[in-house]
Amino acid sequence: MILRRTLEGLSGSHAEYPIMRKSRDDPGDASSIEASRLKAWESAWQEYWNGGGASTYELPAGSPVGHERDFLMHTRTPEHEESRLEHIHQEFVRGFAALYGLGPAVTVFGSARFGEGHPYYDQAMELGRELAEAGFAVITGGGPGIMEAANRGAHEANGVSIGCNIALPHEQQPNPYVDESIEFHYFFIRKVMLVKYSCAFIIMPGGLGTLDEMFETATLIQTRKMGPFPIVCFGSEFWQELARLLSHLVAAGTVGEDELEFFQVTDSPEEAVELVVRALPEPVRAYLRPIAGE
């Protein structure tokens, strides 16, 4: 099976995460240790959040509020809900209109934090170039790092380069290598656009956002809500612990090994594109119009 073959040969030490792991061996009073651990945990995440603004949670309409609280400052109103629905509708319409005429496309996910000169950036550039030369449009989240590199590779190969950008307070301006940039306020609408118009997905190394995108896409394919499309994880060393986690899920019985057959791992941009092309349904493959590389 593909997953078993993917796991073979992967090795590495298991990382430890002391904040997330309860200690059972520390000396001293157990309740005092637990209280200290919880206090440190709460302080850590509140310190991170305090730099990002007020809470977005809204109390149900009519909720009694005895005093102003930092975390629960808003209440729901029909006017706010109607405004939000209209904004959501407009974002969907804008995304559908922009991408409706797009031909076969591959979405490349990956971190915004690997800049020019990093090996992953260089590999993502080559990947974008290979995809364009094979006849695919390249879709990314439209930002810097891996996204920029994949768009840049496609752009410099005279391919179609699309960015689905997210509006964030402190980062993510559209990169200069997209033919069309579509900006979104809502992450979930952006993710719809990143998957709806693609026929394959390549996951470059990344963080929480990349993992979110990968697992949501994998769930849609696993449940046959879309597909059959391949997911290619690029960078065997980077993804080896994820492979271990998937193996653990299979062993625990929460995922069937046959449900993960659409995953593949590679370290070669050229092989990544070959895997995508081979996995495509024939009508999609026939629609590809490869372009000549330099």
C-alpha atoms as a PDB file:
ATOM      1  CA  MET A   1       0.000   0.000   0.000  1.00  0.00           C
ATOM      2  CA  ILE A   2       1.162   3.550  -0.733  1.00  0.00           C
ATOM      3  CA  LEU A   3       1.042   4.702   2.887  1.00  0.00           C
ATOM      4  CA  ARG A   4       3.091   1.713   4.065  1.00  0.00           C
ATOM      5  CA  ARG A   5       5.679   2.317   1.341  1.00  0.00           C
ATOM      6  CA  THR A   6       5.766   5.999   2.229  1.00  0.00           C
ATOM      7  CA  LEU A   7       6.496   5.199   5.861  1.00  0.00           C
ATOM      8  CA  GLU A   8       9.297   2.775   5.061  1.00  0.00           C
ATOM      9  CA  GLY A   9      12.684   4.319   5.589  1.00  0.00           C
ATOM     10  CA  LEU A  10      11.408   7.370   7.435  1.00  0.00           C
ATOM     11  CA  SER A  11      13.282   7.868  10.663  1.00  0.00           C
ATOM     12  CA  GLY A  12      13.820  10.578  13.223  1.00  0.00           C
ATOM     13  CA  SER A  13      13.542  11.304  16.890  1.00  0.00           C
ATOM     14  CA  HIS A  14      10.233  12.154  18.483  1.00  0.00           C
ATOM     15  CA  ALA A  15       9.986  15.775  19.560  1.00  0.00           C
ATOM     16  CA  GLU A  16       8.747  16.562  23.050  1.00  0.00           C
ATOM     17  CA  TYR A  17       6.361  19.374  23.850  1.00  0.00           C
ATOM     18  CA  PRO A  18       6.556  20.074  27.596  1.00  0.00           C
ATOM     19  CA  ILE A  19       3.795  22.704  27.642  1.00  0.00           C
ATOM     20  CA  MET A  20       1.324  20.245  26.151  1.00  0.00           C
ATOM     21  CA  ARG A  21       2.435  17.220  28.131  1.00  0.00           C
ATOM     22  CA  LYS A  22       1.603  16.550  31.758  1.00  0.00           C
ATOM     23  CA  SER A  23       4.569  15.496  33.846  1.00  0.00           C
ATOM     24  CA  ARG A  24       4.060  12.486  36.044  1.00  0.00           C
ATOM     25  CA  ASP A  25       7.620  12.195  37.266  1.00  0.00           C
ATOM     26  CA  ASP A  26       8.342  15.637  38.740  1.00  0.00           C
ATOM     27  CA  PRO A  27       8.821  15.690  42.515  1.00  0.00           C
ATOM     28  CA  GLY A  28       6.672  17.818  44.789  1.00  0.00           C
ATOM     29  CA  ASP A  29       3.003  18.270  45.423  1.00  0.00           C
ATOM     30  CA  ALA A  30       1.040  17.082  42.384  1.00  0.00           C
ATOM     31  CA  SER A  31      -1.735  19.647  42.701  1.00  0.00           C
ATOM     32  CA  SER A  32       0.741  22.513  43.033  1.00  0.00           C
ATOM     33  CA  ILE A  33       2.655  21.344  39.982  1.00  0.00           C
ATOM     34  CA  GLU A  34      -0.565  21.064  37.984  1.00  0.00           C
ATOM     35  CA  ALA A  35      -1.675  24.531  39.069  1.00  0.00           C
ATOM     36  CA  SER A  36       1.672  25.999  38.013  1.00  0.00           C
ATOM     37  CA  ARG A  37       1.507  24.226  34.668  1.00  0.00           C
ATOM     38  CA  LEU A  38      -1.992  25.522  33.960  1.00  0.00           C
ATOM     39  CA  LYS A  39      -1.040  29.044  35.002  1.00  0.00           C
ATOM     40  CA  ALA A  40       1.965  28.992  32.658  1.00  0.00           C
ATOM     41  CA  TRP A  41      -0.217  27.665  29.840  1.00  0.00           C
ATOM     42  CA  GLU A  42      -2.861  30.355  30.348  1.00  0.00           C
ATOM     43  CA  SER A  43      -0.275  33.136  30.593  1.00  0.00           C
ATOM     44  CA  ALA A  44       1.439  31.969  27.389  1.00  0.00           C
ATOM     45  CA  TRP A  45      -1.620  31.953  25.162  1.00  0.00           C
ATOM     46  CA  GLN A  46      -3.074  35.149  26.639  1.00  0.00           C
ATOM     47  CA  GLU A  47       0.235  36.955  26.078  1.00  0.00           C
ATOM     48  CA  TYR A  48       0.179  35.854  22.437  1.00  0.00           C
ATOM     49  CA  TRP A  49      -3.449  36.861  21.950  1.00  0.00           C
ATOM     50  CA  ASN A  50      -3.096  40.267  23.659  1.00  0.00           C
ATOM     51  CA  GLY A  51      -1.016  41.438  20.719  1.00  0.00           C
ATOM     52  CA  GLY A  52      -3.815  40.643  18.294  1.00  0.00           C
ATOM     53  CA  GLY A  53      -6.792  42.698  19.465  1.00  0.00           C
ATOM     54  CA  ALA A  54     -10.145  42.063  21.082  1.00  0.00           C
ATOM     55  CA  SER A  55     -11.993  38.776  21.160  1.00  0.00           C
ATOM     56  CA  THR A  56     -14.208  37.990  18.180  1.00  0.00           C
ATOM     57  CA  TYR A  57     -16.722  36.004  20.228  1.00  0.00           C
ATOM     58  CA  GLU A  58     -20.235  37.444  20.377  1.00  0.00           C
ATOM     59  CA  LEU A  59     -22.639  36.813  23.228  1.00  0.00           C
ATOM     60  CA  PRO A  60     -26.110  35.562  22.235  1.00  0.00           C
ATOM     61  CA  ALA A  61     -28.662  38.304  21.748  1.00  0.00           C
ATOM     62  CA  GLY A  62     -30.238  39.411  25.012  1.00  0.00           C
ATOM     63  CA  SER A  63     -27.482  38.009  27.209  1.00  0.00           C
ATOM     64  CA  PRO A  64     -27.191  39.899  30.522  1.00  0.00           C
ATOM     65  CA  VAL A  65     -23.808  41.581  30.891  1.00  0.00           C
ATOM     66  CA  GLY A  66     -23.128  42.804  34.403  1.00  0.00           C
ATOM     67  CA  HIS A  67     -19.829  44.499  33.567  1.00  0.00           C
ATOM     68  CA  GLU A  68     -17.503  45.012  30.643  1.00  0.00           C
ATOM     69  CA  ARG A  69     -15.237  42.046  30.022  1.00  0.00           C
ATOM     70  CA  ASP A  70     -12.169  41.923  27.831  1.00  0.00           C
ATOM     71  CA  PHE A  71     -13.151  38.675  26.144  1.00  0.00           C
ATOM     72  CA  LEU A  72     -16.902  39.103  25.713  1.00  0.00           C
ATOM     73  CA  MET A  73     -17.496  42.638  24.548  1.00  0.00           C
ATOM     74  CA  HIS A  74     -20.024  42.120  21.751  1.00  0.00           C
ATOM     75  CA  THR A  75     -23.549  40.803  21.416  1.00  0.00           C
ATOM     76  CA  ARG A  76     -25.195  39.387  18.322  1.00  0.00           C
ATOM     77  CA  THR A  77     -27.699  41.509  16.472  1.00  0.00           C
ATOM     78  CA  PRO A  78     -29.827  40.826  13.383  1.00  0.00           C
ATOM     79  CA  GLU A  79     -28.139  43.768  11.661  1.00  0.00           C
ATOM     80  CA  HIS A  80     -24.662  42.355  12.223  1.00  0.00           C
ATOM     81  CA  GLU A  81     -25.722  38.904  10.987  1.00  0.00           C
ATOM     82  CA  GLU A  82     -27.352  40.313   7.857  1.00  0.00           C
ATOM     83  CA  SER A  83     -24.280  42.398   7.099  1.00  0.00           C
ATOM     84  CA  ARG A  84     -22.030  39.377   7.573  1.00  0.00           C
ATOM     85  CA  LEU A  85     -24.170  37.223   5.276  1.00  0.00           C
ATOM     86  CA  GLU A  86     -24.062  39.882   2.570  1.00  0.00           C
ATOM     87  CA  HIS A  87     -20.277  40.128   2.860  1.00  0.00           C
ATOM     88  CA  ILE A  88     -19.952  36.342   2.627  1.00  0.00           C
ATOM     89  CA  HIS A  89     -22.228  36.262  -0.421  1.00  0.00           C
ATOM     90  CA  GLN A  90     -20.218  38.982  -2.156  1.00  0.00           C
ATOM     91  CA  GLU A  91     -16.919  37.180  -1.523  1.00  0.00           C
ATOM     92  CA  PHE A  92     -18.272  33.927  -2.981  1.00  0.00           C
ATOM     93  CA  VAL A  93     -19.607  35.723  -6.060  1.00  0.00           C
ATOM     94  CA  ARG A  94     -16.292  37.536  -6.581  1.00  0.00           C
ATOM     95  CA  GLY A  95     -14.299  34.317  -6.279  1.00  0.00           C
ATOM     96  CA  PHE A  96     -16.572  32.292  -8.572  1.00  0.00           C
ATOM     97  CA  ALA A  97     -16.576  35.053 -11.201  1.00  0.00           C
ATOM     98  CA  ALA A  98     -12.789  35.343 -11.186  1.00  0.00           C
ATOM     99  CA  LEU A  99     -12.054  31.616 -11.463  1.00  0.00           C
ATOM    100  CA  TYR A 100     -15.000  30.316 -13.498  1.00  0.00           C
ATOM    101  CA  GLY A 101     -13.093  30.139 -16.792  1.00  0.00           C
ATOM    102  CA  LEU A 102      -9.913  28.602 -15.356  1.00  0.00           C
ATOM    103  CA  GLY A 103      -8.576  25.427 -16.976  1.00  0.00           C
ATOM    104  CA  PRO A 104      -6.945  22.515 -15.113  1.00  0.00           C
ATOM    105  CA  ALA A 105      -5.192  23.893 -12.052  1.00  0.00           C
ATOM    106  CA  VAL A 106      -3.059  22.632  -9.177  1.00  0.00           C
ATOM    107  CA  THR A 107      -3.097  24.333  -5.794  1.00  0.00           C
ATOM    108  CA  VAL A 108       0.227  24.587  -3.969  1.00  0.00           C
ATOM    109  CA  PHE A 109       0.028  25.041  -0.200  1.00  0.00           C
ATOM    110  CA  GLY A 110       2.994  26.049   1.935  1.00  0.00           C
ATOM    111  CA  SER A 111       4.477  28.429   4.484  1.00  0.00           C
ATOM    112  CA  ALA A 112       4.746  32.182   4.070  1.00  0.00           C
ATOM    113  CA  ARG A 113       7.931  32.090   6.166  1.00  0.00           C
ATOM    114  CA  PHE A 114      10.393  30.460   3.767  1.00  0.00           C
ATOM    115  CA  GLY A 115      11.806  33.381   1.809  1.00  0.00           C
ATOM    116  CA  GLU A 116      13.963  33.675  -1.285  1.00  0.00           C
ATOM    117  CA  GLY A 117      17.223  31.777  -0.875  1.00  0.00           C
ATOM    118  CA  HIS A 118      15.729  29.021   1.259  1.00  0.00           C
ATOM    119  CA  PRO A 119      15.885  25.556  -0.347  1.00  0.00           C
ATOM    120  CA  TYR A 120      12.107  25.145  -0.046  1.00  0.00           C
ATOM    121  CA  TYR A 121      11.583  28.444  -1.870  1.00  0.00           C
ATOM    122  CA  ASP A 122      13.841  27.293  -4.697  1.00  0.00           C
ATOM    123  CA  GLN A 123      12.060  23.946  -4.919  1.00  0.00           C
ATOM    124  CA  ALA A 124       8.636  25.626  -4.940  1.00  0.00           C
ATOM    125  CA  MET A 125       9.807  27.859  -7.803  1.00  0.00           C
ATOM    126  CA  GLU A 126      10.875  24.809  -9.773  1.00  0.00           C
ATOM    127  CA  LEU A 127       7.583  23.126  -8.941  1.00  0.00           C
ATOM    128  CA  GLY A 128       5.592  26.110 -10.242  1.00  0.00           C
ATOM    129  CA  ARG A 129       7.659  26.077 -13.426  1.00  0.00           C
ATOM    130  CA  GLU A 130       7.134  22.341 -13.951  1.00  0.00           C
ATOM    131  CA  LEU A 131       3.379  22.676 -13.389  1.00  0.00           C
ATOM    132  CA  ALA A 132       3.098  25.531 -15.878  1.00  0.00           C
ATOM    133  CA  GLU A 133       5.107  23.689 -18.498  1.00  0.00           C
ATOM    134  CA  ALA A 134       2.817  20.667 -18.046  1.00  0.00           C
ATOM    135  CA  GLY A 135      -0.176  22.886 -18.835  1.00  0.00           C
ATOM    136  CA  PHE A 136      -1.562  23.586 -15.346  1.00  0.00           C
ATOM    137  CA  ALA A 137      -2.577  26.876 -13.865  1.00  0.00           C
ATOM    138  CA  VAL A 138      -0.943  27.352 -10.462  1.00  0.00           C
ATOM    139  CA  ILE A 139      -3.112  28.526  -7.575  1.00  0.00           C
ATOM    140  CA  THR A 140      -1.687  29.569  -4.216  1.00  0.00           C
ATOM    141  CA  GLY A 141      -2.739  31.611  -1.216  1.00  0.00           C
ATOM    142  CA  GLY A 142      -1.187  34.584  -2.994  1.00  0.00           C
ATOM    143  CA  GLY A 143       1.190  35.651  -0.233  1.00  0.00           C
ATOM    144  CA  PRO A 144       4.959  35.496   0.310  1.00  0.00           C
ATOM    145  CA  GLY A 145       7.256  32.532   0.903  1.00  0.00           C
ATOM    146  CA  ILE A 146       6.293  29.235  -0.704  1.00  0.00           C
ATOM    147  CA  MET A 147       3.213  30.835  -2.254  1.00  0.00           C
ATOM    148  CA  GLU A 148       5.285  33.508  -3.949  1.00  0.00           C
ATOM    149  CA  ALA A 149       7.821  30.946  -5.136  1.00  0.00           C
ATOM    150  CA  ALA A 150       5.225  28.692  -6.793  1.00  0.00           C
ATOM    151  CA  ASN A 151       3.526  31.687  -8.428  1.00  0.00           C
ATOM    152  CA  ARG A 152       6.919  32.997  -9.541  1.00  0.00           C
ATOM    153  CA  GLY A 153       7.891  29.717 -11.159  1.00  0.00           C
ATOM    154  CA  ALA A 154       4.621  29.597 -13.100  1.00  0.00           C
ATOM    155  CA  HIS A 155       4.810  33.277 -14.033  1.00  0.00           C
ATOM    156  CA  GLU A 156       8.376  33.075 -15.315  1.00  0.00           C
ATOM    157  CA  ALA A 157       7.435  30.020 -17.394  1.00  0.00           C
ATOM    158  CA  ASN A 158       4.615  32.043 -19.002  1.00  0.00           C
ATOM    159  CA  GLY A 159       1.980  29.947 -17.263  1.00  0.00           C
ATOM    160  CA  VAL A 160      -1.191  31.020 -15.485  1.00  0.00           C
ATOM    161  CA  SER A 161      -0.518  32.188 -11.925  1.00  0.00           C
ATOM    162  CA  ILE A 162      -3.407  32.835  -9.513  1.00  0.00           C
ATOM    163  CA  GLY A 163      -3.347  34.112  -5.920  1.00  0.00           C
ATOM    164  CA  CYS A 164      -6.209  33.811  -3.435  1.00  0.00           C
ATOM    165  CA  ASN A 165      -4.997  36.333  -0.887  1.00  0.00           C
ATOM    166  CA  ILE A 166      -6.248  36.695   2.696  1.00  0.00           C
ATOM    167  CA  ALA A 167      -6.579  40.091   4.370  1.00  0.00           C
ATOM    168  CA  LEU A 168      -4.596  39.989   7.631  1.00  0.00           C
ATOM    169  CA  PRO A 169      -3.708  42.810  10.052  1.00  0.00           C
ATOM    170  CA  HIS A 170       0.071  42.513   9.922  1.00  0.00           C
ATOM    171  CA  GLU A 171       1.070  40.438   6.908  1.00  0.00           C
ATOM    172  CA  GLN A 172       0.238  38.924   3.568  1.00  0.00           C
ATOM    173  CA  GLN A 173       0.304  41.440   0.786  1.00  0.00           C
ATOM    174  CA  PRO A 174      -0.227  39.879  -2.653  1.00  0.00           C
ATOM    175  CA  ASN A 175       3.028  38.718  -4.173  1.00  0.00           C
ATOM    176  CA  PRO A 176       4.099  40.320  -7.481  1.00  0.00           C
ATOM    177  CA  TYR A 177       4.006  37.101  -9.520  1.00  0.00           C
ATOM    178  CA  VAL A 178       0.246  36.547  -9.836  1.00  0.00           C
ATOM    179  CA  ASP A 179      -1.712  37.254 -13.000  1.00  0.00           C
ATOM    180  CA  GLU A 180      -4.816  37.700 -10.898  1.00  0.00           C
ATOM    181  CA  SER A 181      -5.121  38.297  -7.161  1.00  0.00           C
ATOM    182  CA  ILE A 182      -8.452  37.734  -5.427  1.00  0.00           C
ATOM    183  CA  GLU A 183      -8.624  39.047  -1.874  1.00  0.00           C
ATOM    184  CA  PHE A 184     -10.734  37.462   0.849  1.00  0.00           C
ATOM    185  CA  HIS A 185     -11.690  38.427   4.374  1.00  0.00           C
ATOM    186  CA  TYR A 186     -12.936  34.968   5.371  1.00  0.00           C
ATOM    187  CA  PHE A 187     -10.536  32.047   5.498  1.00  0.00           C
ATOM    188  CA  PHE A 188     -13.285  29.522   4.784  1.00  0.00           C
ATOM    189  CA  ILE A 189     -14.317  31.221   1.527  1.00  0.00           C
ATOM    190  CA  ARG A 190     -10.695  31.422   0.456  1.00  0.00           C
ATOM    191  CA  LYS A 191     -10.294  27.686   1.106  1.00  0.00           C
ATOM    192  CA  VAL A 192     -13.333  26.942  -1.042  1.00  0.00           C
ATOM    193  CA  MET A 193     -11.684  28.765  -3.938  1.00  0.00           C
ATOM    194  CA  LEU A 194      -8.339  27.054  -3.349  1.00  0.00           C
ATOM    195  CA  VAL A 195      -9.927  23.603  -3.691  1.00  0.00           C
ATOM    196  CA  LYS A 196     -12.968  24.095  -5.955  1.00  0.00           C
ATOM    197  CA  TYR A 197     -11.007  24.917  -9.095  1.00  0.00           C
ATOM    198  CA  SER A 198      -8.103  22.492  -8.630  1.00  0.00           C
ATOM    199  CA  CYS A 199      -7.632  18.911  -9.746  1.00  0.00           C
ATOM    200  CA  ALA A 200      -4.635  18.135  -7.514  1.00  0.00           C
ATOM    201  CA  PHE A 201      -2.877  19.514  -4.450  1.00  0.00           C
ATOM    202  CA  ILE A 202       0.805  19.772  -3.594  1.00  0.00           C
ATOM    203  CA  ILE A 203       1.692  20.389   0.043  1.00  0.00           C
ATOM    204  CA  MET A 204       5.021  22.092   0.578  1.00  0.00           C
ATOM    205  CA  PRO A 205       6.441  22.451   4.110  1.00  0.00           C
ATOM    206  CA  GLY A 206       4.368  24.790   6.233  1.00  0.00           C
ATOM    207  CA  GLY A 207       2.773  25.526   9.579  1.00  0.00           C
ATOM    208  CA  LEU A 208      -0.710  25.538  11.060  1.00  0.00           C
ATOM    209  CA  GLY A 209      -2.337  27.159   8.038  1.00  0.00           C
ATOM    210  CA  THR A 210      -0.794  24.613   5.692  1.00  0.00           C
ATOM    211  CA  LEU A 211      -1.871  21.737   7.941  1.00  0.00           C
ATOM    212  CA  ASP A 212      -5.394  23.150   8.098  1.00  0.00           C
ATOM    213  CA  GLU A 213      -5.579  23.350   4.324  1.00  0.00           C
ATOM    214  CA  MET A 214      -4.109  19.889   3.849  1.00  0.00           C
ATOM    215  CA  PHE A 215      -6.372  18.090   6.323  1.00  0.00           C
ATOM    216  CA  GLU A 216      -9.528  19.823   5.123  1.00  0.00           C
ATOM    217  CA  THR A 217      -8.662  18.889   1.548  1.00  0.00           C
ATOM    218  CA  ALA A 218      -7.846  15.328   2.621  1.00  0.00           C
ATOM    219  CA  THR A 219     -11.178  15.046   4.448  1.00  0.00           C
ATOM    220  CA  LEU A 220     -13.089  16.179   1.356  1.00  0.00           C
ATOM    221  CA  ILE A 221     -11.310  13.549  -0.747  1.00  0.00           C
ATOM    222  CA  GLN A 222     -11.638  10.826   1.921  1.00  0.00           C
ATOM    223  CA  THR A 223     -15.394  11.428   2.172  1.00  0.00           C
ATOM    224  CA  ARG A 224     -15.707  11.650  -1.630  1.00  0.00           C
ATOM    225  CA  LYS A 225     -17.074  15.176  -1.473  1.00  0.00           C
ATOM    226  CA  MET A 226     -14.561  15.908  -4.229  1.00  0.00           C
ATOM    227  CA  GLY A 227     -12.068  13.985  -6.297  1.00  0.00           C
ATOM    228  CA  PRO A 228     -10.573  11.649  -7.232  1.00  0.00           C
ATOM    229  CA  PHE A 229      -7.598  13.980  -6.774  1.00  0.00           C
ATOM    230  CA  PRO A 230      -4.089  13.258  -5.485  1.00  0.00           C
ATOM    231  CA  ILE A 231      -2.372  15.013  -2.591  1.00  0.00           C
ATOM    232  CA  VAL A 232       1.400  15.139  -2.962  1.00  0.00           C
ATOM    233  CA  CYS A 233       3.433  16.069   0.120  1.00  0.00           C
ATOM    234  CA  PHE A 234       6.763  17.592  -0.872  1.00  0.00           C
ATOM    235  CA  GLY A 235       9.734  17.013   1.427  1.00  0.00           C
ATOM    236  CA  SER A 236       9.993  13.552   2.973  1.00  0.00           C
ATOM    237  CA  GLU A 237      12.188  14.708   5.865  1.00  0.00           C
ATOM    238  CA  PHE A 238       9.850  17.535   6.784  1.00  0.00           C
ATOM    239  CA  TRP A 239       6.720  15.356   6.701  1.00  0.00           C
ATOM    240  CA  GLN A 240       8.159  12.231   8.364  1.00  0.00           C
ATOM    241  CA  GLU A 241       6.496  12.906  11.722  1.00  0.00           C
ATOM    242  CA  LEU A 242       3.170  13.464   9.982  1.00  0.00           C
ATOM    243  CA  ALA A 243       3.622  10.101   8.294  1.00  0.00           C
ATOM    244  CA  ARG A 244       4.139   8.574  11.750  1.00  0.00           C
ATOM    245  CA  LEU A 245       0.960  10.235  12.991  1.00  0.00           C
ATOM    246  CA  LEU A 246      -1.046   8.884  10.047  1.00  0.00           C
ATOM    247  CA  SER A 247       0.402   5.436  10.700  1.00  0.00           C
ATOM    248  CA  HIS A 248      -0.696   5.762  14.335  1.00  0.00           C
ATOM    249  CA  LEU A 249      -4.230   6.719  13.247  1.00  0.00           C
ATOM    250  CA  VAL A 250      -4.391   3.673  11.013  1.00  0.00           C
ATOM    251  CA  ALA A 251      -3.153   1.426  13.835  1.00  0.00           C
ATOM    252  CA  ALA A 252      -5.712   2.957  16.215  1.00  0.00           C
ATOM    253  CA  GLY A 253      -8.502   2.242  13.750  1.00  0.00           C
ATOM    254  CA  THR A 254      -9.630   5.846  13.292  1.00  0.00           C
ATOM    255  CA  VAL A 255      -8.549   5.934   9.633  1.00  0.00           C
ATOM    256  CA  GLY A 256      -8.458   3.122   7.116  1.00  0.00           C
ATOM    257  CA  GLU A 257      -5.201   2.662   5.207  1.00  0.00           C
ATOM    258  CA  ASP A 258      -7.200   2.477   1.991  1.00  0.00           C
ATOM    259  CA  GLU A 259      -8.597   5.938   2.803  1.00  0.00           C
ATOM    260  CA  LEU A 260      -5.108   7.431   2.571  1.00  0.00           C
ATOM    261  CA  GLU A 261      -4.087   6.013  -0.783  1.00  0.00           C
ATOM    262  CA  PHE A 262      -4.398   9.425  -2.425  1.00  0.00           C
ATOM    263  CA  PHE A 263      -1.355  10.639  -0.415  1.00  0.00           C
ATOM    264  CA  GLN A 264       2.143  10.451  -1.861  1.00  0.00           C
ATOM    265  CA  VAL A 265       5.490  11.898  -0.760  1.00  0.00           C
ATOM    266  CA  THR A 266       8.323  13.087  -2.984  1.00  0.00           C
ATOM    267  CA  ASP A 267      11.465  15.226  -2.932  1.00  0.00           C
ATOM    268  CA  SER A 268      11.452  15.998  -6.654  1.00  0.00           C
ATOM    269  CA  PRO A 269       9.443  18.802  -8.325  1.00  0.00           C
ATOM    270  CA  GLU A 270       9.494  16.857 -11.575  1.00  0.00           C
ATOM    271  CA  GLU A 271       8.191  13.699  -9.909  1.00  0.00           C
ATOM    272  CA  ALA A 272       5.514  15.683  -8.091  1.00  0.00           C
ATOM    273  CA  VAL A 273       4.115  16.892 -11.414  1.00  0.00           C
ATOM    274  CA  GLU A 274       4.394  13.412 -12.947  1.00  0.00           C
ATOM    275  CA  LEU A 275       2.404  11.980 -10.028  1.00  0.00           C
ATOM    276  CA  VAL A 276      -0.300  14.589 -10.568  1.00  0.00           C
ATOM    277  CA  VAL A 277      -0.542  14.000 -14.315  1.00  0.00           C
ATOM    278  CA  ARG A 278      -0.694  10.203 -13.926  1.00  0.00           C
ATOM    279  CA  ALA A 279      -3.461  10.444 -11.344  1.00  0.00           C
ATOM    280  CA  LEU A 280      -5.742  12.688 -13.400  1.00  0.00           C
ATOM    281  CA  PRO A 281      -8.886  11.307 -15.019  1.00  0.00           C
ATOM    282  CA  GLU A 282      -8.347  10.986 -18.763  1.00  0.00           C
ATOM    283  CA  PRO A 283     -10.775  13.797 -19.762  1.00  0.00           C
ATOM    284  CA  VAL A 284      -8.842  16.224 -17.540  1.00  0.00           C
ATOM    285  CA  ARG A 285      -5.478  15.021 -18.851  1.00  0.00           C
ATOM    286  CA  ALA A 286      -6.687  15.517 -22.415  1.00  0.00           C
ATOM    287  CA  TYR A 287      -7.509  19.138 -21.611  1.00  0.00           C
ATOM    288  CA  LEU A 288      -3.904  19.992 -20.663  1.00  0.00           C
ATOM    289  CA  ARG A 289      -1.999  22.255 -23.045  1.00  0.00           C
ATOM    290  CA  PRO A 290       1.708  21.955 -22.154  1.00  0.00           C
ATOM    291  CA  ILE A 291       3.866  24.969 -22.888  1.00  0.00           C
ATOM    292  CA  ALA A 292       7.446  24.807 -24.124  1.00  0.00           C
ATOM    293  CA  GLY A 293      10.071  25.398 -21.433  1.00  0.00           C
ATOM    294  CA  GLU A 294      13.180  27.428 -22.112  1.00  0.00           C
END
